[in-house]
């Protein structure tokens, strides 16, 4: 499973989207486009990513741009994975 698909699975599971991520692509907007994605959900997604990939994000490594689109979130995780 590639990184994009893994992130979509995390989003779907964490936000209880019931498969709505199936039609999402890298360009799909996140913040402001998905009502379930609030500040608490962002924290839950970060925690799920950290657990899944065994990484730890510092506060200054994640910002609103990281959650602008599916692609920006994938890129943030990819950069952390190095």
Protein backbone atom coordinates (compact mmCIF):
# COMPACT_ATOMS: atom_id res chain seq x y z
CA UNK A 1 0.00 0.00 0.00
CA UNK A 2 1.50 3.33 -0.99
CA UNK A 3 1.75 6.33 1.31
CA UNK A 4 -1.19 8.16 -0.27
CA UNK A 5 -3.46 5.18 0.29
CA UNK A 6 -2.24 4.76 3.86
CA UNK A 7 -2.98 8.42 4.63
CA UNK A 8 -6.44 8.13 3.05
CA UNK A 9 -7.12 5.08 5.20
CA UNK A 10 -6.03 6.97 8.32
CA UNK A 11 -8.28 9.90 7.38
CA UNK A 12 -11.22 7.60 6.68
CA UNK A 13 -10.83 5.67 9.92
CA UNK A 14 -10.01 8.62 12.19
CA UNK A 15 -12.76 10.86 10.86
CA UNK A 16 -15.30 8.02 10.47
CA UNK A 17 -15.85 9.01 6.84
CA UNK A 18 -17.27 5.58 5.93
CA UNK A 19 -15.36 5.28 2.66
CA UNK A 20 -15.69 8.89 1.51
CA UNK A 21 -11.93 9.05 0.98
CA UNK A 22 -12.25 6.56 -1.91
CA UNK A 23 -12.80 9.44 -4.33
CA UNK A 24 -10.07 11.66 -2.92
CA UNK A 25 -6.85 12.53 -4.74
CA UNK A 26 -3.71 14.49 -3.84
CA UNK A 27 -5.46 17.73 -4.82
CA UNK A 28 -8.51 17.09 -2.64
CA UNK A 29 -8.90 19.83 -0.02
CA UNK A 30 -9.01 18.92 3.66
CA UNK A 31 -9.29 21.88 6.06
CA UNK A 32 -12.54 23.68 5.44
CA UNK A 33 -13.79 21.00 3.05
CA UNK A 34 -14.44 18.14 5.48
CA UNK A 35 -16.74 19.15 8.36
CA UNK A 36 -15.40 16.32 10.53
CA UNK A 37 -11.87 17.77 10.32
CA UNK A 38 -11.76 20.09 13.33
CA UNK A 39 -8.88 20.86 15.69
CA UNK A 40 -9.48 17.74 17.78
CA UNK A 41 -9.58 15.61 14.64
CA UNK A 42 -6.24 17.08 13.52
CA UNK A 43 -4.72 15.94 16.82
CA UNK A 44 -6.23 12.48 16.36
CA UNK A 45 -4.87 12.23 12.80
CA UNK A 46 -1.40 13.27 13.91
CA UNK A 47 -1.53 10.64 16.66
CA UNK A 48 -2.68 7.98 14.18
CA UNK A 49 0.11 8.89 11.75
CA UNK A 50 2.69 8.82 14.54
CA UNK A 51 1.50 5.40 15.67
CA UNK A 52 1.23 3.91 12.16
CA UNK A 53 4.68 5.10 11.01
CA UNK A 54 6.45 5.09 14.38
CA UNK A 55 7.42 8.78 14.15
CA UNK A 56 6.95 11.80 16.40
CA UNK A 57 6.00 15.22 15.08
CA UNK A 58 7.14 18.27 17.00
CA UNK A 59 4.69 21.17 17.28
CA UNK A 60 6.60 23.27 14.75
CA UNK A 61 6.58 20.49 12.13
CA UNK A 62 2.81 20.62 11.57
CA UNK A 63 0.75 23.65 10.61
CA UNK A 64 -2.40 24.49 8.70
CA UNK A 65 -0.61 24.06 5.37
CA UNK A 66 0.08 20.44 6.29
CA UNK A 67 -3.69 19.84 6.25
CA UNK A 68 -4.56 22.02 3.25
CA UNK A 69 -4.89 19.07 0.86
CA UNK A 70 -4.46 15.33 0.91
CA UNK A 71 -1.21 15.83 -1.00
CA UNK A 72 0.20 18.33 1.49
CA UNK A 73 -0.49 15.90 4.31
CA UNK A 74 1.15 13.06 2.37
CA UNK A 75 4.16 15.30 1.66
CA UNK A 76 4.47 16.24 5.34
CA UNK A 77 4.47 12.59 6.36
CA UNK A 78 6.88 11.67 3.55
CA UNK A 79 9.30 14.37 4.64
CA UNK A 80 9.19 13.05 8.21
CA UNK A 81 9.84 9.51 7.01
CA UNK A 82 12.84 10.82 5.07
